[in-house]
């Protein structure tokens, strides 16, 4: 009974309201959001798989895909997951300086990936693959572009968090806030692994 009271006091001190699932409201909300995102990307990926062979005009996928370049971009994004883990670890140690350092590096790696995606889209367009060129083009740009938007949102979240930590204006538990952004970022990285495998590595 005393242990329960102590645990309750500990949660209250950190602003964490534990639900019946054992997760705080913040974590539960994030997991529910990520669940809905899984459904969204599942639909986009299914649509791409259905239409990837529909190339009535314009270049074929194997004629425009630059696998080595995209592989490097993918590696950069996956490395950002490692720096995100380091940021969460620093936040749990209440090391604001290193937390901000690793969050910033994560954002820079994400920005590098987005820059590579913009370059890739530009190159594809110049080679004749527009959004309305074919069903393949439409589904490809929608899927990968939507993922790029999610990465961009993640970068904004990371830099906003850096600003709030610098000004000591993080609401609630600072470590939990970093962890929530980390969950989103890891989700975006995992989704890209699936997209990269299905879109670039598996021939149509």
N, C-alpha and C. Protein backbone atom coordinates (compact mmCIF):
# COMPACT_ATOMS: atom_id res chain seq x y z
N UNK A 1 0.84 -1.20 0.00
CA UNK A 1 0.00 0.00 0.00
C UNK A 1 0.88 1.26 0.00
N UNK A 2 1.94 1.20 0.82
CA UNK A 2 2.85 2.33 0.89
C UNK A 2 3.58 2.51 -0.43
N UNK A 3 3.96 1.36 -1.06
CA UNK A 3 4.66 1.43 -2.35
C UNK A 3 3.79 2.09 -3.39
N UNK A 4 2.48 1.75 -3.35
CA UNK A 4 1.55 2.34 -4.31
C UNK A 4 1.47 3.85 -4.12
N UNK A 5 1.41 4.28 -2.86
CA UNK A 5 1.33 5.71 -2.56
C UNK A 5 2.59 6.42 -3.03
N UNK A 6 3.76 5.77 -2.80
CA UNK A 6 5.03 6.37 -3.23
C UNK A 6 5.07 6.49 -4.74
N UNK A 7 4.63 5.42 -5.43
CA UNK A 7 4.61 5.44 -6.90
C UNK A 7 3.70 6.54 -7.40
N UNK A 8 2.55 6.70 -6.71
CA UNK A 8 1.60 7.74 -7.12
C UNK A 8 2.20 9.12 -6.95
N UNK A 9 2.90 9.31 -5.81
CA UNK A 9 3.53 10.60 -5.56
C UNK A 9 4.62 10.87 -6.59
N UNK A 10 5.36 9.80 -6.96
CA UNK A 10 6.43 9.94 -7.95
C UNK A 10 5.87 10.39 -9.29
N UNK A 11 4.76 9.78 -9.70
CA UNK A 11 4.12 10.13 -10.97
C UNK A 11 3.60 11.56 -10.92
N UNK A 12 3.04 11.94 -9.75
CA UNK A 12 2.48 13.28 -9.64
C UNK A 12 3.57 14.34 -9.74
N UNK A 13 4.73 14.02 -9.15
CA UNK A 13 5.83 14.97 -9.17
C UNK A 13 6.29 15.25 -10.59
N UNK A 14 6.18 14.25 -11.46
CA UNK A 14 6.65 14.41 -12.83
C UNK A 14 5.53 14.74 -13.80
N UNK A 15 4.34 15.00 -13.30
CA UNK A 15 3.24 15.40 -14.15
C UNK A 15 2.71 14.27 -15.01
N UNK A 16 2.99 13.01 -14.63
CA UNK A 16 2.55 11.88 -15.45
C UNK A 16 1.28 11.31 -14.87
N UNK A 17 0.23 11.25 -15.66
CA UNK A 17 -1.04 10.69 -15.23
C UNK A 17 -1.16 9.31 -15.86
N UNK A 18 -0.93 8.28 -15.04
CA UNK A 18 -0.89 6.92 -15.55
C UNK A 18 -2.31 6.41 -15.79
N UNK A 19 -2.53 5.79 -16.96
CA UNK A 19 -3.83 5.22 -17.28
C UNK A 19 -3.90 3.78 -16.83
N UNK A 20 -5.03 3.13 -17.07
CA UNK A 20 -5.20 1.73 -16.68
C UNK A 20 -4.27 0.80 -17.45
N UNK A 21 -3.70 1.29 -18.56
CA UNK A 21 -2.78 0.47 -19.35
C UNK A 21 -1.37 0.49 -18.78
N UNK A 22 -1.12 1.35 -17.78
CA UNK A 22 0.21 1.48 -17.23
C UNK A 22 1.03 2.55 -17.93
N UNK A 23 0.47 3.15 -18.99
CA UNK A 23 1.14 4.23 -19.73
C UNK A 23 0.56 5.57 -19.31
N UNK A 24 1.36 6.60 -19.42
CA UNK A 24 0.86 7.94 -19.15
C UNK A 24 -0.07 8.35 -20.29
N UNK A 25 -0.88 9.36 -20.05
CA UNK A 25 -1.79 9.85 -21.10
C UNK A 25 -1.04 10.29 -22.34
N UNK A 26 0.14 10.90 -22.12
CA UNK A 26 0.94 11.37 -23.25
C UNK A 26 1.41 10.21 -24.11
N UNK A 27 1.94 9.16 -23.47
CA UNK A 27 2.42 8.00 -24.21
C UNK A 27 1.27 7.27 -24.91
N UNK A 28 0.16 7.14 -24.20
CA UNK A 28 -0.99 6.46 -24.79
C UNK A 28 -1.48 7.22 -26.02
N UNK A 29 -1.54 8.56 -25.89
CA UNK A 29 -1.97 9.38 -27.02
C UNK A 29 -1.03 9.24 -28.21
N UNK A 30 0.28 9.20 -27.95
CA UNK A 30 1.25 9.06 -29.03
C UNK A 30 1.13 7.71 -29.71
N UNK A 31 0.95 6.64 -28.93
CA UNK A 31 0.80 5.31 -29.52
C UNK A 31 -0.48 5.21 -30.36
N UNK A 32 -1.55 5.85 -29.90
CA UNK A 32 -2.79 5.87 -30.69
C UNK A 32 -2.59 6.63 -32.00
N UNK A 33 -1.87 7.75 -31.93
CA UNK A 33 -1.58 8.52 -33.14
C UNK A 33 -0.74 7.70 -34.11
N UNK A 34 0.29 7.02 -33.60
CA UNK A 34 1.13 6.22 -34.47
C UNK A 34 0.36 5.05 -35.07
N UNK A 35 -0.61 4.53 -34.31
CA UNK A 35 -1.46 3.47 -34.86
C UNK A 35 -2.27 3.95 -36.05
N UNK A 36 -2.80 5.17 -35.95
CA UNK A 36 -3.56 5.73 -37.07
C UNK A 36 -2.64 6.01 -38.25
N UNK A 37 -1.39 6.39 -37.98
CA UNK A 37 -0.41 6.62 -39.04
C UNK A 37 -0.06 5.32 -39.75
N UNK A 38 -0.04 4.22 -39.01
CA UNK A 38 0.21 2.90 -39.62
C UNK A 38 -0.88 2.58 -40.65
N UNK A 39 -2.11 2.88 -40.30
CA UNK A 39 -3.22 2.65 -41.22
C UNK A 39 -3.08 3.52 -42.47
N UNK A 40 -2.69 4.78 -42.27
CA UNK A 40 -2.52 5.70 -43.38
C UNK A 40 -1.44 5.21 -44.34
N UNK A 41 -0.27 4.91 -43.80
CA UNK A 41 0.83 4.45 -44.66
C UNK A 41 0.54 3.07 -45.24
N UNK A 42 -0.21 2.26 -44.50
CA UNK A 42 -0.60 0.96 -45.05
C UNK A 42 -1.43 1.12 -46.30
N UNK A 43 -2.35 2.11 -46.28
CA UNK A 43 -3.17 2.37 -47.45
C UNK A 43 -2.35 2.91 -48.61
N UNK A 44 -1.41 3.82 -48.33
CA UNK A 44 -0.56 4.40 -49.37
C UNK A 44 0.35 3.34 -49.99
N UNK A 45 0.92 2.49 -49.15
CA UNK A 45 1.80 1.44 -49.65
C UNK A 45 1.02 0.44 -50.49
N UNK A 46 -0.18 0.09 -50.04
CA UNK A 46 -1.02 -0.84 -50.80
C UNK A 46 -1.38 -0.26 -52.17
N UNK A 47 -1.68 1.03 -52.19
CA UNK A 47 -2.00 1.69 -53.47
C UNK A 47 -0.81 1.67 -54.40
N UNK A 48 0.37 1.94 -53.87
CA UNK A 48 1.57 1.90 -54.71
C UNK A 48 1.80 0.50 -55.27
N UNK A 49 1.68 -0.51 -54.42
CA UNK A 49 1.91 -1.89 -54.87
C UNK A 49 0.92 -2.28 -55.97
N UNK A 50 -0.27 -1.69 -55.92
CA UNK A 50 -1.29 -1.99 -56.91
C UNK A 50 -0.97 -1.32 -58.24
N UNK A 51 -0.41 -0.12 -58.19
CA UNK A 51 -0.21 0.68 -59.39
C UNK A 51 1.23 0.76 -59.89
N UNK A 52 2.18 0.13 -59.21
CA UNK A 52 3.58 0.32 -59.58
C UNK A 52 3.91 -0.22 -60.97
N UNK A 53 3.09 -1.13 -61.48
CA UNK A 53 3.34 -1.67 -62.82
C UNK A 53 2.55 -0.95 -63.91
N UNK A 54 1.75 0.04 -63.51
CA UNK A 54 0.92 0.77 -64.48
C UNK A 54 1.71 1.94 -65.08
N UNK A 55 2.54 1.64 -66.05
CA UNK A 55 3.36 2.67 -66.70
C UNK A 55 2.98 2.71 -68.17
N UNK A 56 1.92 3.47 -68.48
CA UNK A 56 1.48 3.58 -69.87
C UNK A 56 2.33 4.58 -70.65
N UNK A 57 2.93 5.52 -69.96
CA UNK A 57 3.80 6.50 -70.60
C UNK A 57 4.86 6.92 -69.60
N UNK A 58 5.96 7.48 -70.11
CA UNK A 58 7.04 7.90 -69.22
C UNK A 58 8.00 6.77 -68.93
N UNK A 59 9.04 7.05 -68.16
CA UNK A 59 10.07 6.04 -67.87
C UNK A 59 9.60 4.95 -66.91
N UNK A 60 10.24 3.80 -67.04
CA UNK A 60 10.00 2.69 -66.12
C UNK A 60 10.78 2.93 -64.82
N UNK A 61 10.35 2.32 -63.72
CA UNK A 61 11.07 2.51 -62.45
C UNK A 61 12.55 2.18 -62.54
N UNK A 62 12.90 1.06 -63.21
CA UNK A 62 14.31 0.67 -63.27
C UNK A 62 15.14 1.59 -64.16
N UNK A 63 14.48 2.47 -64.91
CA UNK A 63 15.20 3.41 -65.77
C UNK A 63 15.58 4.70 -65.04
N UNK A 64 14.92 4.98 -63.94
CA UNK A 64 15.18 6.25 -63.25
C UNK A 64 15.70 6.10 -61.83
N UNK A 65 15.42 4.98 -61.17
CA UNK A 65 15.85 4.82 -59.79
C UNK A 65 17.37 4.77 -59.70
N UNK A 66 17.92 5.56 -58.79
CA UNK A 66 19.36 5.55 -58.50
C UNK A 66 19.54 4.88 -57.15
N UNK A 67 19.65 3.56 -57.16
CA UNK A 67 19.68 2.79 -55.91
C UNK A 67 20.85 3.20 -55.00
N UNK A 68 22.08 3.37 -55.52
CA UNK A 68 23.18 3.78 -54.62
C UNK A 68 22.90 5.11 -53.91
N UNK A 69 22.37 6.11 -54.66
CA UNK A 69 22.09 7.41 -54.05
C UNK A 69 21.02 7.28 -52.97
N UNK A 70 19.94 6.57 -53.30
CA UNK A 70 18.85 6.41 -52.32
C UNK A 70 19.31 5.59 -51.12
N UNK A 71 20.22 4.64 -51.34
CA UNK A 71 20.76 3.84 -50.24
C UNK A 71 21.53 4.72 -49.26
N UNK A 72 22.31 5.66 -49.80
CA UNK A 72 23.06 6.57 -48.93
C UNK A 72 22.09 7.45 -48.14
N UNK A 73 21.07 7.97 -48.81
CA UNK A 73 20.06 8.80 -48.12
C UNK A 73 19.37 7.99 -47.02
N UNK A 74 19.07 6.73 -47.31
CA UNK A 74 18.42 5.86 -46.33
C UNK A 74 19.33 5.63 -45.13
N UNK A 75 20.63 5.44 -45.40
CA UNK A 75 21.59 5.23 -44.32
C UNK A 75 21.65 6.46 -43.41
N UNK A 76 21.63 7.64 -44.02
CA UNK A 76 21.64 8.89 -43.25
C UNK A 76 20.43 8.96 -42.33
N UNK A 77 19.25 8.61 -42.86
CA UNK A 77 18.04 8.65 -42.04
C UNK A 77 18.10 7.63 -40.91
N UNK A 78 18.62 6.44 -41.21
CA UNK A 78 18.71 5.41 -40.17
C UNK A 78 19.71 5.81 -39.09
N UNK A 79 20.79 6.51 -39.47
CA UNK A 79 21.74 6.99 -38.47
C UNK A 79 21.10 8.00 -37.53
N UNK A 80 20.09 8.71 -38.04
CA UNK A 80 19.40 9.68 -37.19
C UNK A 80 18.63 8.99 -36.06
N UNK A 81 18.27 7.73 -36.25
CA UNK A 81 17.63 6.98 -35.17
C UNK A 81 18.60 6.77 -34.02
N UNK A 82 19.88 6.52 -34.37
CA UNK A 82 20.90 6.35 -33.34
C UNK A 82 21.10 7.64 -32.55
N UNK A 83 21.19 8.77 -33.26
CA UNK A 83 21.38 10.04 -32.55
C UNK A 83 20.15 10.38 -31.71
N UNK A 84 18.96 9.95 -32.16
CA UNK A 84 17.75 10.17 -31.38
C UNK A 84 17.80 9.36 -30.08
N UNK A 85 18.29 8.14 -30.15
CA UNK A 85 18.45 7.31 -28.95
C UNK A 85 19.41 7.99 -27.97
N UNK A 86 20.48 8.57 -28.49
CA UNK A 86 21.44 9.27 -27.64
C UNK A 86 20.80 10.51 -27.00
N UNK A 87 19.92 11.18 -27.74
CA UNK A 87 19.22 12.34 -27.19
C UNK A 87 18.30 11.93 -26.04
N UNK A 88 17.57 10.84 -26.22
CA UNK A 88 16.68 10.35 -25.16
C UNK A 88 17.48 9.96 -23.93
N UNK A 89 18.61 9.28 -24.16
CA UNK A 89 19.46 8.87 -23.04
C UNK A 89 19.98 10.09 -22.27
N UNK A 90 20.40 11.12 -23.01
CA UNK A 90 20.88 12.34 -22.34
C UNK A 90 19.76 13.02 -21.57
N UNK A 91 18.56 13.02 -22.12
CA UNK A 91 17.41 13.64 -21.44
C UNK A 91 17.09 12.91 -20.14
N UNK A 92 17.20 11.60 -20.16
CA UNK A 92 16.94 10.82 -18.95
C UNK A 92 17.98 11.09 -17.87
N UNK A 93 19.19 11.46 -18.30
CA UNK A 93 20.25 11.82 -17.35
C UNK A 93 20.16 13.30 -16.95
N UNK A 94 19.17 14.01 -17.51
CA UNK A 94 18.96 15.44 -17.26
C UNK A 94 20.16 16.27 -17.73
N UNK A 95 20.75 15.82 -18.83
CA UNK A 95 21.89 16.50 -19.44
C UNK A 95 21.36 17.33 -20.61
N UNK A 96 20.93 18.55 -20.32
CA UNK A 96 20.30 19.39 -21.35
C UNK A 96 21.25 19.70 -22.51
N UNK A 97 22.50 19.91 -22.21
CA UNK A 97 23.46 20.28 -23.26
C UNK A 97 23.57 19.19 -24.32
N UNK A 98 23.80 17.95 -23.88
CA UNK A 98 23.92 16.86 -24.83
C UNK A 98 22.58 16.48 -25.45
N UNK A 99 21.50 16.70 -24.70
CA UNK A 99 20.18 16.45 -25.28
C UNK A 99 19.97 17.34 -26.50
N UNK A 100 20.24 18.63 -26.34
CA UNK A 100 20.09 19.57 -27.45
C UNK A 100 21.07 19.27 -28.58
N UNK A 101 22.27 18.84 -28.23
CA UNK A 101 23.27 18.51 -29.25
C UNK A 101 22.78 17.37 -30.14
N UNK A 102 22.32 16.29 -29.52
CA UNK A 102 21.89 15.12 -30.28
C UNK A 102 20.57 15.37 -31.00
N UNK A 103 19.69 16.17 -30.42
CA UNK A 103 18.46 16.54 -31.11
C UNK A 103 18.76 17.35 -32.37
N UNK A 104 19.72 18.26 -32.26
CA UNK A 104 20.09 19.08 -33.41
C UNK A 104 20.74 18.24 -34.51
N UNK A 105 21.61 17.32 -34.11
CA UNK A 105 22.24 16.43 -35.10
C UNK A 105 21.19 15.57 -35.79
N UNK A 106 20.23 15.10 -35.02
CA UNK A 106 19.14 14.30 -35.59
C UNK A 106 18.38 15.11 -36.63
N UNK A 107 18.08 16.36 -36.29
CA UNK A 107 17.36 17.23 -37.24
C UNK A 107 18.18 17.49 -38.49
N UNK A 108 19.49 17.67 -38.35
CA UNK A 108 20.36 17.90 -39.51
C UNK A 108 20.40 16.67 -40.42
N UNK A 109 20.47 15.49 -39.83
CA UNK A 109 20.45 14.26 -40.62
C UNK A 109 19.13 14.11 -41.35
N UNK A 110 18.04 14.45 -40.65
CA UNK A 110 16.72 14.40 -41.30
C UNK A 110 16.63 15.39 -42.45
N UNK A 111 17.18 16.60 -42.24
CA UNK A 111 17.16 17.61 -43.30
C UNK A 111 17.99 17.17 -44.49
N UNK A 112 19.09 16.46 -44.24
CA UNK A 112 19.91 15.93 -45.34
C UNK A 112 19.11 14.92 -46.15
N UNK A 113 18.35 14.07 -45.46
CA UNK A 113 17.51 13.09 -46.16
C UNK A 113 16.46 13.79 -47.02
N UNK A 114 15.79 14.80 -46.45
CA UNK A 114 14.76 15.52 -47.20
C UNK A 114 15.38 16.22 -48.41
N UNK A 115 16.57 16.80 -48.22
CA UNK A 115 17.26 17.43 -49.34
C UNK A 115 17.56 16.44 -50.44
N UNK A 116 17.97 15.24 -50.06
CA UNK A 116 18.23 14.20 -51.05
C UNK A 116 16.96 13.79 -51.78
N UNK A 117 15.84 13.78 -51.06
CA UNK A 117 14.57 13.42 -51.69
C UNK A 117 14.13 14.49 -52.69
N UNK A 118 14.33 15.75 -52.34
CA UNK A 118 14.01 16.84 -53.26
C UNK A 118 14.86 16.75 -54.52
N UNK A 119 16.14 16.47 -54.35
CA UNK A 119 17.04 16.30 -55.50
C UNK A 119 16.58 15.14 -56.37
N UNK A 120 16.19 14.04 -55.74
CA UNK A 120 15.74 12.86 -56.47
C UNK A 120 14.47 13.16 -57.25
N UNK A 121 13.51 13.83 -56.62
CA UNK A 121 12.27 14.18 -57.31
C UNK A 121 12.55 15.08 -58.52
N UNK A 122 13.46 16.03 -58.34
CA UNK A 122 13.81 16.94 -59.43
C UNK A 122 14.42 16.17 -60.60
N UNK A 123 15.31 15.22 -60.27
CA UNK A 123 15.95 14.41 -61.31
C UNK A 123 14.92 13.56 -62.04
N UNK A 124 13.98 12.98 -61.32
CA UNK A 124 12.95 12.14 -61.94
C UNK A 124 12.07 12.97 -62.87
N UNK A 125 11.74 14.17 -62.42
CA UNK A 125 10.89 15.05 -63.25
C UNK A 125 11.59 15.41 -64.55
N UNK A 126 12.88 15.68 -64.46
CA UNK A 126 13.64 16.02 -65.66
C UNK A 126 13.76 14.84 -66.62
N UNK A 127 13.67 13.64 -66.09
CA UNK A 127 13.75 12.44 -66.92
C UNK A 127 12.39 12.02 -67.46
N UNK A 128 11.35 12.80 -67.13
CA UNK A 128 10.05 12.56 -67.72
C UNK A 128 9.00 11.95 -66.83
N UNK A 129 9.31 11.79 -65.54
CA UNK A 129 8.32 11.21 -64.61
C UNK A 129 7.68 12.33 -63.81
N UNK A 130 6.50 12.76 -64.25
CA UNK A 130 5.73 13.75 -63.52
C UNK A 130 4.67 13.09 -62.66
N UNK A 131 3.98 13.90 -61.87
CA UNK A 131 2.96 13.35 -60.98
C UNK A 131 1.81 12.72 -61.76
N UNK A 132 1.49 13.29 -62.92
CA UNK A 132 0.36 12.79 -63.73
C UNK A 132 0.83 12.01 -64.94
N UNK A 133 2.11 11.67 -65.02
CA UNK A 133 2.61 10.93 -66.17
C UNK A 133 1.99 9.54 -66.27
N UNK A 134 1.87 8.87 -65.14
CA UNK A 134 1.32 7.52 -65.10
C UNK A 134 0.80 7.24 -63.70
N UNK A 135 0.07 6.12 -63.56
CA UNK A 135 -0.39 5.73 -62.23
C UNK A 135 0.78 5.40 -61.33
N UNK A 136 1.84 4.85 -61.92
CA UNK A 136 3.05 4.60 -61.13
C UNK A 136 3.60 5.91 -60.57
N UNK A 137 3.72 6.93 -61.42
CA UNK A 137 4.24 8.22 -60.98
C UNK A 137 3.40 8.83 -59.88
N UNK A 138 2.08 8.78 -60.04
CA UNK A 138 1.18 9.37 -59.05
C UNK A 138 1.31 8.68 -57.69
N UNK A 139 1.31 7.34 -57.72
CA UNK A 139 1.39 6.59 -56.46
C UNK A 139 2.78 6.72 -55.84
N UNK A 140 3.82 6.77 -56.66
CA UNK A 140 5.18 6.92 -56.14
C UNK A 140 5.37 8.26 -55.45
N UNK A 141 5.00 9.34 -56.12
CA UNK A 141 5.18 10.67 -55.53
C UNK A 141 4.31 10.87 -54.30
N UNK A 142 3.10 10.30 -54.31
CA UNK A 142 2.22 10.43 -53.15
C UNK A 142 2.80 9.73 -51.94
N UNK A 143 3.26 8.50 -52.13
CA UNK A 143 3.80 7.71 -51.02
C UNK A 143 5.09 8.32 -50.47
N UNK A 144 6.07 8.52 -51.34
CA UNK A 144 7.36 9.02 -50.86
C UNK A 144 7.27 10.49 -50.44
N UNK A 145 6.43 11.27 -51.13
CA UNK A 145 6.26 12.66 -50.75
C UNK A 145 5.60 12.80 -49.39
N UNK A 146 4.60 11.95 -49.14
CA UNK A 146 3.92 12.00 -47.84
C UNK A 146 4.90 11.65 -46.73
N UNK A 147 5.78 10.68 -46.99
CA UNK A 147 6.79 10.34 -45.99
C UNK A 147 7.74 11.52 -45.78
N UNK A 148 8.13 12.19 -46.86
CA UNK A 148 8.99 13.35 -46.74
C UNK A 148 8.37 14.45 -45.90
N UNK A 149 7.06 14.63 -46.04
CA UNK A 149 6.35 15.62 -45.23
C UNK A 149 6.43 15.23 -43.75
N UNK A 150 6.28 13.95 -43.47
CA UNK A 150 6.36 13.49 -42.08
C UNK A 150 7.76 13.72 -41.50
N UNK A 151 8.79 13.49 -42.30
CA UNK A 151 10.15 13.76 -41.84
C UNK A 151 10.31 15.26 -41.56
N UNK A 152 9.78 16.09 -42.44
CA UNK A 152 9.87 17.54 -42.27
C UNK A 152 9.17 17.99 -40.99
N UNK A 153 8.00 17.40 -40.71
CA UNK A 153 7.28 17.72 -39.46
C UNK A 153 8.13 17.29 -38.26
N UNK A 154 8.78 16.13 -38.38
CA UNK A 154 9.65 15.68 -37.31
C UNK A 154 10.81 16.63 -37.05
N UNK A 155 11.38 17.18 -38.12
CA UNK A 155 12.47 18.15 -37.98
C UNK A 155 11.98 19.38 -37.22
N UNK A 156 10.80 19.85 -37.57
CA UNK A 156 10.22 21.01 -36.88
C UNK A 156 10.01 20.70 -35.40
N UNK A 157 9.51 19.50 -35.11
CA UNK A 157 9.31 19.09 -33.71
C UNK A 157 10.64 19.06 -32.96
N UNK A 158 11.68 18.53 -33.59
CA UNK A 158 12.99 18.45 -32.95
C UNK A 158 13.54 19.83 -32.62
N UNK A 159 13.48 20.74 -33.60
CA UNK A 159 14.04 22.06 -33.37
C UNK A 159 13.20 22.87 -32.38
N UNK A 160 11.88 22.66 -32.39
CA UNK A 160 11.03 23.32 -31.41
C UNK A 160 11.37 22.83 -30.00
N UNK A 161 11.64 21.54 -29.88
CA UNK A 161 12.00 20.97 -28.59
C UNK A 161 13.34 21.51 -28.11
N UNK A 162 14.29 21.67 -29.04
CA UNK A 162 15.59 22.26 -28.69
C UNK A 162 15.39 23.67 -28.13
N UNK A 163 14.52 24.44 -28.79
CA UNK A 163 14.25 25.79 -28.32
C UNK A 163 13.62 25.81 -26.94
N UNK A 164 12.66 24.90 -26.71
CA UNK A 164 11.99 24.87 -25.40
C UNK A 164 12.93 24.42 -24.30
N UNK A 165 13.80 23.46 -24.60
CA UNK A 165 14.76 23.00 -23.60
C UNK A 165 15.75 24.12 -23.26
N UNK A 166 16.19 24.84 -24.28
CA UNK A 166 17.14 25.94 -24.07
C UNK A 166 16.54 27.02 -23.17
N UNK A 167 15.24 27.24 -23.29
CA UNK A 167 14.56 28.27 -22.49
C UNK A 167 13.92 27.69 -21.23
N UNK A 168 14.12 26.37 -21.03
CA UNK A 168 13.54 25.68 -19.88
C UNK A 168 12.03 25.86 -19.82
N UNK A 169 11.39 25.69 -20.98
CA UNK A 169 9.94 25.86 -21.07
C UNK A 169 9.23 24.59 -21.54
N UNK A 170 9.82 23.46 -21.25
CA UNK A 170 9.19 22.19 -21.64
C UNK A 170 8.08 21.86 -20.66
N UNK A 171 6.83 21.73 -21.12
CA UNK A 171 5.74 21.40 -20.20
C UNK A 171 5.82 19.94 -19.74
N UNK A 172 5.59 19.71 -18.47
CA UNK A 172 5.59 18.34 -17.96
C UNK A 172 7.00 17.78 -17.83
N UNK A 173 7.08 16.46 -17.99
CA UNK A 173 8.34 15.74 -17.85
C UNK A 173 9.20 15.94 -19.09
N UNK A 174 10.38 16.56 -18.92
CA UNK A 174 11.25 16.87 -20.05
C UNK A 174 11.71 15.60 -20.76
N UNK A 175 12.13 14.59 -19.99
CA UNK A 175 12.61 13.34 -20.59
C UNK A 175 11.50 12.65 -21.38
N UNK A 176 10.27 12.71 -20.85
CA UNK A 176 9.16 12.08 -21.56
C UNK A 176 8.86 12.82 -22.86
N UNK A 177 8.99 14.13 -22.87
CA UNK A 177 8.75 14.91 -24.08
C UNK A 177 9.75 14.52 -25.17
N UNK A 178 11.02 14.36 -24.78
CA UNK A 178 12.03 13.94 -25.74
C UNK A 178 11.73 12.53 -26.23
N UNK A 179 11.29 11.68 -25.32
CA UNK A 179 10.96 10.29 -25.69
C UNK A 179 9.80 10.24 -26.67
N UNK A 180 8.80 11.11 -26.50
CA UNK A 180 7.65 11.12 -27.41
C UNK A 180 8.05 11.54 -28.82
N UNK A 181 8.90 12.57 -28.91
CA UNK A 181 9.41 12.97 -30.22
C UNK A 181 10.24 11.84 -30.81
N UNK A 182 10.99 11.14 -29.94
CA UNK A 182 11.79 10.01 -30.39
C UNK A 182 10.93 8.88 -30.95
N UNK A 183 9.79 8.61 -30.32
CA UNK A 183 8.89 7.57 -30.83
C UNK A 183 8.41 7.92 -32.24
N UNK A 184 8.04 9.17 -32.43
CA UNK A 184 7.59 9.61 -33.75
C UNK A 184 8.72 9.45 -34.77
N UNK A 185 9.92 9.87 -34.38
CA UNK A 185 11.05 9.82 -35.30
C UNK A 185 11.40 8.38 -35.68
N UNK A 186 11.40 7.48 -34.70
CA UNK A 186 11.69 6.07 -34.99
C UNK A 186 10.62 5.48 -35.91
N UNK A 187 9.38 5.89 -35.71
CA UNK A 187 8.29 5.41 -36.56
C UNK A 187 8.53 5.82 -38.01
N UNK A 188 8.91 7.09 -38.20
CA UNK A 188 9.18 7.59 -39.55
C UNK A 188 10.32 6.80 -40.20
N UNK A 189 11.35 6.47 -39.42
CA UNK A 189 12.48 5.71 -39.94
C UNK A 189 12.07 4.29 -40.33
N UNK A 190 11.26 3.65 -39.48
CA UNK A 190 10.82 2.29 -39.76
C UNK A 190 9.96 2.26 -41.02
N UNK A 191 9.08 3.25 -41.16
CA UNK A 191 8.24 3.32 -42.35
C UNK A 191 9.11 3.45 -43.60
N UNK A 192 10.19 4.23 -43.51
CA UNK A 192 11.06 4.38 -44.68
C UNK A 192 11.75 3.07 -45.05
N UNK A 193 12.12 2.26 -44.06
CA UNK A 193 12.72 0.96 -44.35
C UNK A 193 11.77 0.12 -45.20
N UNK A 194 10.48 0.15 -44.84
CA UNK A 194 9.47 -0.60 -45.59
C UNK A 194 9.33 -0.02 -47.00
N UNK A 195 9.25 1.32 -47.09
CA UNK A 195 9.09 1.97 -48.39
C UNK A 195 10.30 1.70 -49.28
N UNK A 196 11.49 1.86 -48.73
CA UNK A 196 12.71 1.65 -49.51
C UNK A 196 12.78 0.22 -50.05
N UNK A 197 12.40 -0.73 -49.21
CA UNK A 197 12.44 -2.13 -49.63
C UNK A 197 11.43 -2.42 -50.74
N UNK A 198 10.20 -1.98 -50.54
CA UNK A 198 9.14 -2.29 -51.51
C UNK A 198 9.23 -1.48 -52.78
N UNK A 199 9.65 -0.22 -52.67
CA UNK A 199 9.66 0.66 -53.86
C UNK A 199 10.94 0.51 -54.65
N UNK A 200 12.08 0.53 -53.98
CA UNK A 200 13.36 0.58 -54.69
C UNK A 200 14.01 -0.78 -54.90
N UNK A 201 13.87 -1.69 -53.96
CA UNK A 201 14.61 -2.94 -54.02
C UNK A 201 13.85 -4.09 -54.68
N UNK A 202 12.51 -4.03 -54.62
CA UNK A 202 11.71 -5.10 -55.24
C UNK A 202 11.28 -4.63 -56.62
N UNK A 203 11.72 -5.30 -57.69
CA UNK A 203 11.36 -4.88 -59.05
C UNK A 203 9.87 -5.01 -59.30
N UNK A 204 9.38 -4.16 -60.22
CA UNK A 204 7.95 -4.20 -60.55
C UNK A 204 7.66 -5.38 -61.46
